[in-house]
PDB file of N, CA and C in Angstrom:
ATOM      1  N   MET A   1      13.386 -26.692 -63.955  1.00  0.00           N
ATOM      2  CA  MET A   1      12.133 -26.631 -63.445  1.00  0.00           C
ATOM      3  C   MET A   1      13.287 -26.050 -61.938  1.00  0.00           C
ATOM      4  N   ARG A   2      12.271 -24.955 -61.370  1.00  0.00           N
ATOM      5  CA  ARG A   2      12.975 -23.974 -59.860  1.00  0.00           C
ATOM      6  C   ARG A   2      11.932 -24.648 -58.625  1.00  0.00           C
ATOM      7  N   VAL A   3      12.427 -24.766 -58.113  1.00  0.00           N
ATOM      8  CA  VAL A   3      11.754 -24.722 -56.492  1.00  0.00           C
ATOM      9  C   VAL A   3      12.092 -23.720 -55.505  1.00  0.00           C
ATOM     10  N   VAL A   4      11.307 -22.535 -54.854  1.00  0.00           N
ATOM     11  CA  VAL A   4      11.603 -21.523 -54.057  1.00  0.00           C
ATOM     12  C   VAL A   4      10.783 -22.042 -52.676  1.00  0.00           C
ATOM     13  N   VAL A   5      11.092 -22.650 -51.306  1.00  0.00           N
ATOM     14  CA  VAL A   5      10.943 -22.104 -50.413  1.00  0.00           C
ATOM     15  C   VAL A   5      10.366 -21.012 -50.018  1.00  0.00           C
ATOM     16  N   LEU A   6       9.198 -20.832 -50.262  1.00  0.00           N
ATOM     17  CA  LEU A   6       9.025 -19.142 -48.944  1.00  0.00           C
ATOM     18  C   LEU A   6       8.506 -19.198 -47.874  1.00  0.00           C
ATOM     19  N   GLY A   7       8.141 -20.461 -47.246  1.00  0.00           N
ATOM     20  CA  GLY A   7       7.716 -20.511 -46.260  1.00  0.00           C
ATOM     21  C   GLY A   7       7.414 -22.184 -45.518  1.00  0.00           C
ATOM     22  N   SER A   8       8.134 -22.522 -44.387  1.00  0.00           N
ATOM     23  CA  SER A   8       7.941 -23.937 -44.180  1.00  0.00           C
ATOM     24  C   SER A   8       7.610 -23.993 -42.636  1.00  0.00           C
ATOM     25  N   GLY A   9       7.420 -22.778 -42.200  1.00  0.00           N
ATOM     26  CA  GLY A   9       6.930 -22.818 -40.377  1.00  0.00           C
ATOM     27  C   GLY A   9       5.572 -23.529 -40.087  1.00  0.00           C
ATOM     28  N   THR A  10       5.224 -23.708 -39.436  1.00  0.00           N
ATOM     29  CA  THR A  10       3.937 -23.693 -38.628  1.00  0.00           C
ATOM     30  C   THR A  10       3.034 -22.803 -38.422  1.00  0.00           C
ATOM     31  N   GLY A  11       1.765 -23.088 -38.291  1.00  0.00           N
ATOM     32  CA  GLY A  11       1.056 -22.348 -37.659  1.00  0.00           C
ATOM     33  C   GLY A  11       1.025 -21.530 -36.641  1.00  0.00           C
ATOM     34  N   VAL A  12       2.075 -21.856 -35.579  1.00  0.00           N
ATOM     35  CA  VAL A  12       2.047 -21.021 -34.805  1.00  0.00           C
ATOM     36  C   VAL A  12       3.271 -19.492 -34.696  1.00  0.00           C
ATOM     37  N   PRO A  13       2.833 -18.209 -34.732  1.00  0.00           N
ATOM     38  CA  PRO A  13       3.675 -17.179 -34.846  1.00  0.00           C
ATOM     39  C   PRO A  13       5.335 -17.480 -34.673  1.00  0.00           C
ATOM     40  N   ASP A  14       6.128 -17.228 -35.791  1.00  0.00           N
ATOM     41  CA  ASP A  14       7.362 -17.086 -35.005  1.00  0.00           C
ATOM     42  C   ASP A  14       7.889 -16.289 -36.357  1.00  0.00           C
ATOM     43  N   PRO A  15       8.678 -15.254 -35.534  1.00  0.00           N
ATOM     44  CA  PRO A  15       9.074 -14.393 -36.518  1.00  0.00           C
ATOM     45  C   PRO A  15       9.973 -14.110 -37.293  1.00  0.00           C
ATOM     46  N   SER A  16      10.927 -16.067 -37.207  1.00  0.00           N
ATOM     47  CA  SER A  16      11.912 -16.119 -38.573  1.00  0.00           C
ATOM     48  C   SER A  16      11.465 -17.484 -39.303  1.00  0.00           C
ATOM     49  N   ARG A  17      10.153 -17.696 -39.209  1.00  0.00           N
ATOM     50  CA  ARG A  17       9.339 -18.510 -40.025  1.00  0.00           C
ATOM     51  C   ARG A  17       8.462 -17.974 -40.125  1.00  0.00           C
ATOM     52  N   LEU A  18       7.942 -18.339 -41.785  1.00  0.00           N
ATOM     53  CA  LEU A  18       6.481 -18.210 -42.199  1.00  0.00           C
ATOM     54  C   LEU A  18       5.717 -19.786 -42.430  1.00  0.00           C
ATOM     55  N   PRO A  19       4.607 -19.257 -42.284  1.00  0.00           N
ATOM     56  CA  PRO A  19       3.921 -20.682 -42.397  1.00  0.00           C
ATOM     57  C   PRO A  19       4.408 -20.768 -43.979  1.00  0.00           C
ATOM     58  N   SER A  20       3.253 -22.495 -44.324  1.00  0.00           N
ATOM     59  CA  SER A  20       4.001 -23.069 -45.929  1.00  0.00           C
ATOM     60  C   SER A  20       3.333 -22.686 -46.972  1.00  0.00           C
ATOM     61  N   GLY A  21       4.548 -22.440 -47.701  1.00  0.00           N
ATOM     62  CA  GLY A  21       4.232 -22.059 -48.987  1.00  0.00           C
ATOM     63  C   GLY A  21       6.240 -22.442 -49.900  1.00  0.00           C
ATOM     64  N   VAL A  22       5.271 -22.813 -51.421  1.00  0.00           N
ATOM     65  CA  VAL A  22       6.281 -23.369 -51.913  1.00  0.00           C
ATOM     66  C   VAL A  22       6.005 -23.343 -53.446  1.00  0.00           C
ATOM     67  N   LEU A  23       7.212 -22.095 -54.040  1.00  0.00           N
ATOM     68  CA  LEU A  23       6.647 -21.809 -55.332  1.00  0.00           C
ATOM     69  C   LEU A  23       7.214 -22.589 -56.104  1.00  0.00           C
ATOM     70  N   VAL A  24       6.866 -23.731 -57.722  1.00  0.00           N
ATOM     71  CA  VAL A  24       7.451 -24.677 -58.219  1.00  0.00           C
ATOM     72  C   VAL A  24       7.068 -24.013 -59.837  1.00  0.00           C
ATOM     73  N   GLU A  25       8.421 -23.949 -60.095  1.00  0.00           N
ATOM     74  CA  GLU A  25       8.270 -23.115 -61.699  1.00  0.00           C
ATOM     75  C   GLU A  25       8.528 -24.180 -62.396  1.00  0.00           C
ATOM     76  N   GLY A  26       8.499 -24.057 -63.877  1.00  0.00           N
ATOM     77  CA  GLY A  26       8.644 -24.922 -65.016  1.00  0.00           C
ATOM     78  C   GLY A  26       8.145 -25.029 -66.344  1.00  0.00           C
ATOM     79  N   GLY A  27       8.143 -25.750 -67.617  1.00  0.00           N
ATOM     80  CA  GLY A  27       7.147 -25.431 -68.574  1.00  0.00           C
ATOM     81  C   GLY A  27       6.061 -24.355 -68.590  1.00  0.00           C
ATOM     82  N   GLY A  28       6.712 -23.388 -68.172  1.00  0.00           N
ATOM     83  CA  GLY A  28       5.757 -21.962 -68.372  1.00  0.00           C
ATOM     84  C   GLY A  28       4.944 -21.882 -67.321  1.00  0.00           C
ATOM     85  N   ALA A  29       4.879 -22.825 -65.906  1.00  0.00           N
ATOM     86  CA  ALA A  29       4.051 -22.850 -65.354  1.00  0.00           C
ATOM     87  C   ALA A  29       4.466 -22.149 -63.699  1.00  0.00           C
ATOM     88  N   ARG A  30       4.116 -21.140 -63.072  1.00  0.00           N
ATOM     89  CA  ARG A  30       4.735 -20.858 -61.233  1.00  0.00           C
ATOM     90  C   ARG A  30       3.614 -21.386 -60.923  1.00  0.00           C
ATOM     91  N   VAL A  31       3.864 -22.877 -60.565  1.00  0.00           N
ATOM     92  CA  VAL A  31       2.469 -22.958 -59.341  1.00  0.00           C
ATOM     93  C   VAL A  31       3.096 -22.728 -57.854  1.00  0.00           C
ATOM     94  N   LEU A  32       2.029 -22.359 -56.789  1.00  0.00           N
ATOM     95  CA  LEU A  32       2.143 -21.915 -55.835  1.00  0.00           C
ATOM     96  C   LEU A  32       1.308 -23.457 -54.899  1.00  0.00           C
ATOM     97  N   VAL A  33       2.067 -24.033 -53.895  1.00  0.00           N
ATOM     98  CA  VAL A  33       1.550 -25.393 -53.010  1.00  0.00           C
ATOM     99  C   VAL A  33       1.768 -24.589 -51.887  1.00  0.00           C
ATOM    100  N   ASP A  34       0.789 -24.383 -51.300  1.00  0.00           N
ATOM    101  CA  ASP A  34       0.288 -23.854 -50.390  1.00  0.00           C
ATOM    102  C   ASP A  34       0.486 -22.300 -50.417  1.00  0.00           C
ATOM    103  N   CYS A  35      -0.599 -21.715 -49.265  1.00  0.00           N
ATOM    104  CA  CYS A  35      -0.045 -20.297 -49.546  1.00  0.00           C
ATOM    105  C   CYS A  35      -0.588 -19.868 -48.307  1.00  0.00           C
ATOM    106  N   GLY A  36      -0.065 -19.949 -47.159  1.00  0.00           N
ATOM    107  CA  GLY A  36       0.099 -19.041 -45.883  1.00  0.00           C
ATOM    108  C   GLY A  36      -0.045 -18.418 -46.085  1.00  0.00           C
ATOM    109  N   PRO A  37       0.094 -17.701 -44.510  1.00  0.00           N
ATOM    110  CA  PRO A  37      -0.045 -16.250 -43.769  1.00  0.00           C
ATOM    111  C   PRO A  37       1.628 -15.593 -43.983  1.00  0.00           C
ATOM    112  N   GLY A  38       1.474 -14.651 -45.105  1.00  0.00           N
ATOM    113  CA  GLY A  38       2.479 -14.092 -45.539  1.00  0.00           C
ATOM    114  C   GLY A  38       3.040 -14.313 -46.904  1.00  0.00           C
ATOM    115  N   ILE A  39       2.699 -15.371 -47.141  1.00  0.00           N
ATOM    116  CA  ILE A  39       3.704 -16.512 -48.316  1.00  0.00           C
ATOM    117  C   ILE A  39       3.220 -15.593 -49.405  1.00  0.00           C
ATOM    118  N   VAL A  40       2.306 -14.521 -50.166  1.00  0.00           N
ATOM    119  CA  VAL A  40       2.167 -13.738 -50.894  1.00  0.00           C
ATOM    120  C   VAL A  40       3.434 -12.356 -50.788  1.00  0.00           C
ATOM    121  N   ARG A  41       3.090 -11.936 -49.720  1.00  0.00           N
ATOM    122  CA  ARG A  41       4.070 -10.787 -49.608  1.00  0.00           C
ATOM    123  C   ARG A  41       6.300 -11.664 -49.584  1.00  0.00           C
ATOM    124  N   ARG A  42       6.198 -12.870 -49.553  1.00  0.00           N
ATOM    125  CA  ARG A  42       7.238 -13.534 -49.586  1.00  0.00           C
ATOM    126  C   ARG A  42       7.505 -13.569 -51.155  1.00  0.00           C
ATOM    127  N   LEU A  43       6.533 -14.130 -51.760  1.00  0.00           N
ATOM    128  CA  LEU A  43       6.755 -14.332 -53.471  1.00  0.00           C
ATOM    129  C   LEU A  43       6.909 -12.843 -54.355  1.00  0.00           C
ATOM    130  N   SER A  44       6.384 -11.767 -53.308  1.00  0.00           N
ATOM    131  CA  SER A  44       6.890 -10.633 -54.222  1.00  0.00           C
ATOM    132  C   SER A  44       8.296 -10.619 -53.599  1.00  0.00           C
ATOM    133  N   ALA A  45       8.563 -10.819 -52.587  1.00  0.00           N
ATOM    134  CA  ALA A  45      10.404 -10.594 -52.342  1.00  0.00           C
ATOM    135  C   ALA A  45      10.987 -11.396 -53.163  1.00  0.00           C
ATOM    136  N   ALA A  46      10.439 -12.216 -53.180  1.00  0.00           N
ATOM    137  CA  ALA A  46      11.246 -13.629 -54.246  1.00  0.00           C
ATOM    138  C   ALA A  46      11.374 -13.053 -55.751  1.00  0.00           C
ATOM    139  N   GLY A  47      10.907 -11.843 -56.101  1.00  0.00           N
ATOM    140  CA  GLY A  47      10.628 -11.233 -57.456  1.00  0.00           C
ATOM    141  C   GLY A  47       9.578 -12.173 -58.050  1.00  0.00           C
ATOM    142  N   VAL A  48       8.570 -12.580 -57.695  1.00  0.00           N
ATOM    143  CA  VAL A  48       7.890 -13.392 -58.408  1.00  0.00           C
ATOM    144  C   VAL A  48       5.870 -11.951 -58.398  1.00  0.00           C
ATOM    145  N   GLY A  49       5.490 -11.499 -59.363  1.00  0.00           N
ATOM    146  CA  GLY A  49       4.432 -10.902 -58.856  1.00  0.00           C
ATOM    147  C   GLY A  49       3.102 -11.476 -58.734  1.00  0.00           C
ATOM    148  N   PRO A  50       2.194 -11.613 -58.139  1.00  0.00           N
ATOM    149  CA  PRO A  50       0.927 -12.167 -58.002  1.00  0.00           C
ATOM    150  C   PRO A  50       0.434 -12.393 -59.707  1.00  0.00           C
ATOM    151  N   GLU A  51       0.513 -11.453 -60.660  1.00  0.00           N
ATOM    152  CA  GLU A  51       0.485 -12.195 -61.823  1.00  0.00           C
ATOM    153  C   GLU A  51       1.210 -12.917 -61.926  1.00  0.00           C
ATOM    154  N   ALA A  52       1.746 -13.675 -61.691  1.00  0.00           N
ATOM    155  CA  ALA A  52       2.853 -14.621 -62.382  1.00  0.00           C
ATOM    156  C   ALA A  52       2.067 -15.789 -61.896  1.00  0.00           C
ATOM    157  N   VAL A  53       1.367 -16.310 -61.079  1.00  0.00           N
ATOM    158  CA  VAL A  53       1.481 -17.505 -60.546  1.00  0.00           C
ATOM    159  C   VAL A  53       0.547 -17.910 -61.218  1.00  0.00           C
ATOM    160  N   THR A  54       0.201 -19.239 -61.889  1.00  0.00           N
ATOM    161  CA  THR A  54      -0.505 -19.906 -62.980  1.00  0.00           C
ATOM    162  C   THR A  54      -1.729 -20.444 -62.195  1.00  0.00           C
ATOM    163  N   ALA A  55      -1.069 -20.890 -61.287  1.00  0.00           N
ATOM    164  CA  ALA A  55      -2.085 -21.726 -60.162  1.00  0.00           C
ATOM    165  C   ALA A  55      -1.574 -22.186 -58.891  1.00  0.00           C
ATOM    166  N   VAL A  56      -2.799 -22.426 -57.907  1.00  0.00           N
ATOM    167  CA  VAL A  56      -2.291 -22.569 -56.859  1.00  0.00           C
ATOM    168  C   VAL A  56      -2.733 -23.808 -56.173  1.00  0.00           C
ATOM    169  N   LEU A  57      -2.254 -25.046 -55.734  1.00  0.00           N
ATOM    170  CA  LEU A  57      -2.499 -25.750 -55.073  1.00  0.00           C
ATOM    171  C   LEU A  57      -2.379 -26.091 -53.660  1.00  0.00           C
ATOM    172  N   LEU A  58      -3.876 -26.157 -52.913  1.00  0.00           N
ATOM    173  CA  LEU A  58      -3.733 -26.516 -51.782  1.00  0.00           C
ATOM    174  C   LEU A  58      -3.673 -28.063 -50.691  1.00  0.00           C
ATOM    175  N   THR A  59      -2.564 -27.926 -50.394  1.00  0.00           N
ATOM    176  CA  THR A  59      -2.326 -29.159 -49.942  1.00  0.00           C
ATOM    177  C   THR A  59      -3.955 -29.915 -48.848  1.00  0.00           C
ATOM    178  N   HIS A  60      -4.346 -28.857 -47.874  1.00  0.00           N
ATOM    179  CA  HIS A  60      -5.221 -28.745 -47.315  1.00  0.00           C
ATOM    180  C   HIS A  60      -5.412 -27.710 -46.954  1.00  0.00           C
ATOM    181  N   PHE A  61      -6.537 -26.998 -45.994  1.00  0.00           N
ATOM    182  CA  PHE A  61      -7.115 -25.925 -45.724  1.00  0.00           C
ATOM    183  C   PHE A  61      -7.213 -25.449 -44.588  1.00  0.00           C
ATOM    184  N   HIS A  62      -6.352 -25.983 -43.496  1.00  0.00           N
ATOM    185  CA  HIS A  62      -5.965 -25.133 -42.451  1.00  0.00           C
ATOM    186  C   HIS A  62      -5.362 -24.187 -42.777  1.00  0.00           C
ATOM    187  N   VAL A  63      -5.423 -23.121 -42.061  1.00  0.00           N
ATOM    188  CA  VAL A  63      -4.974 -21.146 -41.857  1.00  0.00           C
ATOM    189  C   VAL A  63      -4.010 -20.834 -42.381  1.00  0.00           C
ATOM    190  N   ASP A  64      -2.605 -22.379 -41.873  1.00  0.00           N
ATOM    191  CA  ASP A  64      -1.020 -21.864 -41.898  1.00  0.00           C
ATOM    192  C   ASP A  64      -0.881 -22.211 -43.260  1.00  0.00           C
ATOM    193  N   HIS A  65      -2.120 -23.090 -43.968  1.00  0.00           N
ATOM    194  CA  HIS A  65      -1.709 -23.388 -45.624  1.00  0.00           C
ATOM    195  C   HIS A  65      -2.551 -22.459 -46.759  1.00  0.00           C
ATOM    196  N   ALA A  66      -3.319 -22.037 -46.241  1.00  0.00           N
ATOM    197  CA  ALA A  66      -3.978 -21.521 -47.345  1.00  0.00           C
ATOM    198  C   ALA A  66      -4.893 -20.028 -47.032  1.00  0.00           C
ATOM    199  N   ALA A  67      -4.247 -19.545 -45.755  1.00  0.00           N
ATOM    200  CA  ALA A  67      -5.344 -17.952 -45.542  1.00  0.00           C
ATOM    201  C   ALA A  67      -5.156 -16.917 -46.276  1.00  0.00           C
ATOM    202  N   ASP A  68      -3.162 -17.087 -47.058  1.00  0.00           N
ATOM    203  CA  ASP A  68      -3.345 -15.619 -47.801  1.00  0.00           C
ATOM    204  C   ASP A  68      -3.766 -16.290 -49.483  1.00  0.00           C
ATOM    205  N   LEU A  69      -4.233 -17.122 -49.866  1.00  0.00           N
ATOM    206  CA  LEU A  69      -5.115 -16.842 -50.895  1.00  0.00           C
ATOM    207  C   LEU A  69      -6.304 -15.818 -50.978  1.00  0.00           C
ATOM    208  N   THR A  70      -6.796 -15.778 -49.807  1.00  0.00           N
ATOM    209  CA  THR A  70      -7.858 -14.236 -49.621  1.00  0.00           C
ATOM    210  C   THR A  70      -6.812 -13.336 -50.656  1.00  0.00           C
ATOM    211  N   ALA A  71      -5.866 -12.923 -50.051  1.00  0.00           N
ATOM    212  CA  ALA A  71      -4.540 -11.742 -50.438  1.00  0.00           C
ATOM    213  C   ALA A  71      -4.154 -11.485 -51.728  1.00  0.00           C
ATOM    214  N   LEU A  72      -3.609 -13.233 -52.286  1.00  0.00           N
ATOM    215  CA  LEU A  72      -3.704 -13.251 -53.653  1.00  0.00           C
ATOM    216  C   LEU A  72      -4.853 -13.016 -54.996  1.00  0.00           C
ATOM    217  N   LEU A  73      -5.973 -13.505 -54.321  1.00  0.00           N
ATOM    218  CA  LEU A  73      -7.298 -13.146 -55.181  1.00  0.00           C
ATOM    219  C   LEU A  73      -7.853 -11.425 -54.880  1.00  0.00           C
ATOM    220  N   PHE A  74      -7.493 -11.092 -54.064  1.00  0.00           N
ATOM    221  CA  PHE A  74      -7.569  -9.653 -53.719  1.00  0.00           C
ATOM    222  C   PHE A  74      -6.965  -8.931 -54.617  1.00  0.00           C
ATOM    223  N   ALA A  75      -5.440  -8.995 -54.848  1.00  0.00           N
ATOM    224  CA  ALA A  75      -4.398  -8.511 -55.543  1.00  0.00           C
ATOM    225  C   ALA A  75      -4.280  -8.562 -56.775  1.00  0.00           C
ATOM    226  N   LEU A  76      -4.994  -9.979 -57.317  1.00  0.00           N
ATOM    227  CA  LEU A  76      -5.237  -9.969 -58.563  1.00  0.00           C
ATOM    228  C   LEU A  76      -6.552  -8.990 -59.388  1.00  0.00           C
ATOM    229  N   ARG A  77      -7.079  -8.359 -58.645  1.00  0.00           N
ATOM    230  CA  ARG A  77      -8.573  -7.819 -59.212  1.00  0.00           C
ATOM    231  C   ARG A  77      -7.773  -6.403 -59.273  1.00  0.00           C
ATOM    232  N   ALA A  78      -6.829  -6.213 -59.149  1.00  0.00           N
ATOM    233  CA  ALA A  78      -6.090  -4.777 -59.608  1.00  0.00           C
ATOM    234  C   ALA A  78      -6.253  -4.415 -60.740  1.00  0.00           C
ATOM    235  N   PRO A  79      -6.543  -3.391 -61.662  1.00  0.00           N
ATOM    236  CA  PRO A  79      -6.790  -2.681 -62.729  1.00  0.00           C
ATOM    237  C   PRO A  79      -5.283  -3.288 -63.417  1.00  0.00           C
ATOM    238  N   ARG A  80      -4.197  -3.020 -63.072  1.00  0.00           N
ATOM    239  CA  ARG A  80      -2.890  -3.661 -63.591  1.00  0.00           C
ATOM    240  C   ARG A  80      -2.882  -5.152 -64.459  1.00  0.00           C
ATOM    241  N   TYR A  81      -3.710  -5.852 -63.684  1.00  0.00           N
ATOM    242  CA  TYR A  81      -4.050  -7.423 -63.916  1.00  0.00           C
ATOM    243  C   TYR A  81      -4.765  -7.964 -64.882  1.00  0.00           C
ATOM    244  N   VAL A  82      -6.178  -6.757 -65.244  1.00  0.00           N
ATOM    245  CA  VAL A  82      -7.324  -7.030 -65.935  1.00  0.00           C
ATOM    246  C   VAL A  82      -6.465  -7.484 -67.179  1.00  0.00           C
ATOM    247  N   GLY A  83      -6.594  -8.876 -67.451  1.00  0.00           N
ATOM    248  CA  GLY A  83      -6.892  -9.819 -68.676  1.00  0.00           C
ATOM    249  C   GLY A  83      -6.166 -10.704 -68.597  1.00  0.00           C
ATOM    250  N   ARG A  84      -5.298 -10.620 -67.398  1.00  0.00           N
ATOM    251  CA  ARG A  84      -4.405 -12.101 -67.390  1.00  0.00           C
ATOM    252  C   ARG A  84      -5.124 -13.709 -67.523  1.00  0.00           C
ATOM    253  N   PRO A  85      -4.709 -14.092 -67.994  1.00  0.00           N
ATOM    254  CA  PRO A  85      -5.005 -15.808 -67.323  1.00  0.00           C
ATOM    255  C   PRO A  85      -5.580 -15.820 -66.311  1.00  0.00           C
ATOM    256  N   THR A  86      -6.840 -16.839 -66.262  1.00  0.00           N
ATOM    257  CA  THR A  86      -7.478 -16.636 -64.895  1.00  0.00           C
ATOM    258  C   THR A  86      -6.787 -17.606 -64.189  1.00  0.00           C
ATOM    259  N   LEU A  87      -6.738 -17.606 -62.705  1.00  0.00           N
ATOM    260  CA  LEU A  87      -5.946 -18.674 -62.301  1.00  0.00           C
ATOM    261  C   LEU A  87      -6.829 -19.885 -61.966  1.00  0.00           C
ATOM    262  N   ARG A  88      -5.603 -20.766 -61.458  1.00  0.00           N
ATOM    263  CA  ARG A  88      -6.510 -22.176 -61.264  1.00  0.00           C
ATOM    264  C   ARG A  88      -5.726 -22.423 -59.953  1.00  0.00           C
ATOM    265  N   VAL A  89      -7.523 -22.706 -58.852  1.00  0.00           N
ATOM    266  CA  VAL A  89      -6.875 -22.941 -57.788  1.00  0.00           C
ATOM    267  C   VAL A  89      -7.074 -24.293 -57.442  1.00  0.00           C
ATOM    268  N   VAL A  90      -6.233 -25.341 -57.197  1.00  0.00           N
ATOM    269  CA  VAL A  90      -6.906 -26.554 -57.305  1.00  0.00           C
ATOM    270  C   VAL A  90      -6.755 -27.054 -55.131  1.00  0.00           C
ATOM    271  N   GLY A  91      -7.678 -27.942 -55.188  1.00  0.00           N
ATOM    272  CA  GLY A  91      -7.825 -28.486 -53.826  1.00  0.00           C
ATOM    273  C   GLY A  91      -8.263 -29.888 -53.965  1.00  0.00           C
ATOM    274  N   GLY A  92      -8.621 -30.507 -52.532  1.00  0.00           N
ATOM    275  CA  GLY A  92      -9.479 -31.715 -51.981  1.00  0.00           C
ATOM    276  C   GLY A  92     -10.838 -31.124 -51.799  1.00  0.00           C
ATOM    277  N   PRO A  93     -11.575 -32.499 -51.627  1.00  0.00           N
ATOM    278  CA  PRO A  93     -13.123 -31.663 -51.382  1.00  0.00           C
ATOM    279  C   PRO A  93     -13.081 -30.263 -50.127  1.00  0.00           C
ATOM    280  N   GLY A  94     -14.317 -30.129 -50.304  1.00  0.00           N
ATOM    281  CA  GLY A  94     -14.425 -28.887 -49.482  1.00  0.00           C
ATOM    282  C   GLY A  94     -14.016 -27.718 -49.782  1.00  0.00           C
ATOM    283  N   LEU A  95     -12.961 -27.345 -51.010  1.00  0.00           N
ATOM    284  CA  LEU A  95     -12.098 -26.126 -51.702  1.00  0.00           C
ATOM    285  C   LEU A  95     -13.420 -25.198 -52.214  1.00  0.00           C
ATOM    286  N   SER A  96     -14.422 -25.606 -52.966  1.00  0.00           N
ATOM    287  CA  SER A  96     -15.578 -24.811 -53.494  1.00  0.00           C
ATOM    288  C   SER A  96     -16.164 -24.308 -52.107  1.00  0.00           C
ATOM    289  N   ARG A  97     -16.518 -24.614 -50.564  1.00  0.00           N
ATOM    290  CA  ARG A  97     -16.857 -24.414 -50.151  1.00  0.00           C
ATOM    291  C   ARG A  97     -15.967 -23.653 -48.870  1.00  0.00           C
ATOM    292  N   LEU A  98     -14.558 -23.476 -49.473  1.00  0.00           N
ATOM    293  CA  LEU A  98     -13.531 -22.437 -48.597  1.00  0.00           C
ATOM    294  C   LEU A  98     -14.078 -21.275 -49.418  1.00  0.00           C
ATOM    295  N   VAL A  99     -13.672 -21.030 -50.657  1.00  0.00           N
ATOM    296  CA  VAL A  99     -13.937 -19.735 -51.565  1.00  0.00           C
ATOM    297  C   VAL A  99     -15.304 -19.456 -51.619  1.00  0.00           C
ATOM    298  N   SER A 100     -16.497 -20.125 -51.415  1.00  0.00           N
ATOM    299  CA  SER A 100     -17.329 -19.506 -51.947  1.00  0.00           C
ATOM    300  C   SER A 100     -18.436 -18.170 -50.366  1.00  0.00           C
ATOM    301  N   VAL A 101     -18.973 -17.435 -50.647  1.00  0.00           N
ATOM    302  CA  VAL A 101     -19.338 -16.140 -50.291  1.00  0.00           C
ATOM    303  C   VAL A 101     -20.932 -16.136 -50.487  1.00  0.00           C
ATOM    304  N   LYS A 102     -21.542 -15.613 -48.964  1.00  0.00           N
ATOM    305  CA  LYS A 102     -22.924 -15.797 -49.231  1.00  0.00           C
ATOM    306  C   LYS A 102     -22.849 -14.448 -48.155  1.00  0.00           C
ATOM    307  N   LEU A 103     -23.409 -13.793 -49.380  1.00  0.00           N
ATOM    308  CA  LEU A 103     -23.427 -11.970 -49.123  1.00  0.00           C
ATOM    309  C   LEU A 103     -25.009 -11.928 -48.303  1.00  0.00           C
ATOM    310  N   THR A 104     -25.290 -10.693 -47.641  1.00  0.00           N
ATOM    311  CA  THR A 104     -26.522 -10.196 -46.735  1.00  0.00           C
ATOM    312  C   THR A 104     -26.033  -8.911 -46.798  1.00  0.00           C
ATOM    313  N   GLU A 105     -26.865  -8.229 -47.547  1.00  0.00           N
ATOM    314  CA  GLU A 105     -26.956  -7.048 -47.501  1.00  0.00           C
ATOM    315  C   GLU A 105     -28.322  -6.491 -46.944  1.00  0.00           C
ATOM    316  N   SER A 106     -27.672  -5.183 -46.232  1.00  0.00           N
ATOM    317  CA  SER A 106     -29.181  -4.847 -45.435  1.00  0.00           C
ATOM    318  C   SER A 106     -29.468  -3.237 -45.759  1.00  0.00           C
TER     319      SER A 106
END
């Protein structure tokens, strides 16, 4: 098992620390625990592309723990990732409300 701390800061901007994000690797899985702002970029800097993440576990839905989920989901829509296994996103009550979208077209 390998644990990589990608960010351990707070939601208050600090150039030397990023918000929460930890990559846990083992048994063929790569789980991202929390996905605060800037974590997808740190993941890449750690040599792990977005396609390698098998699951995301959000401990709670504050912006400093969940904001880069959008960036990760957007990145995985790139044509080069077509056919990859579906990303599993796990979280507590309210997760489906967090990721649902209501569209209004004009």
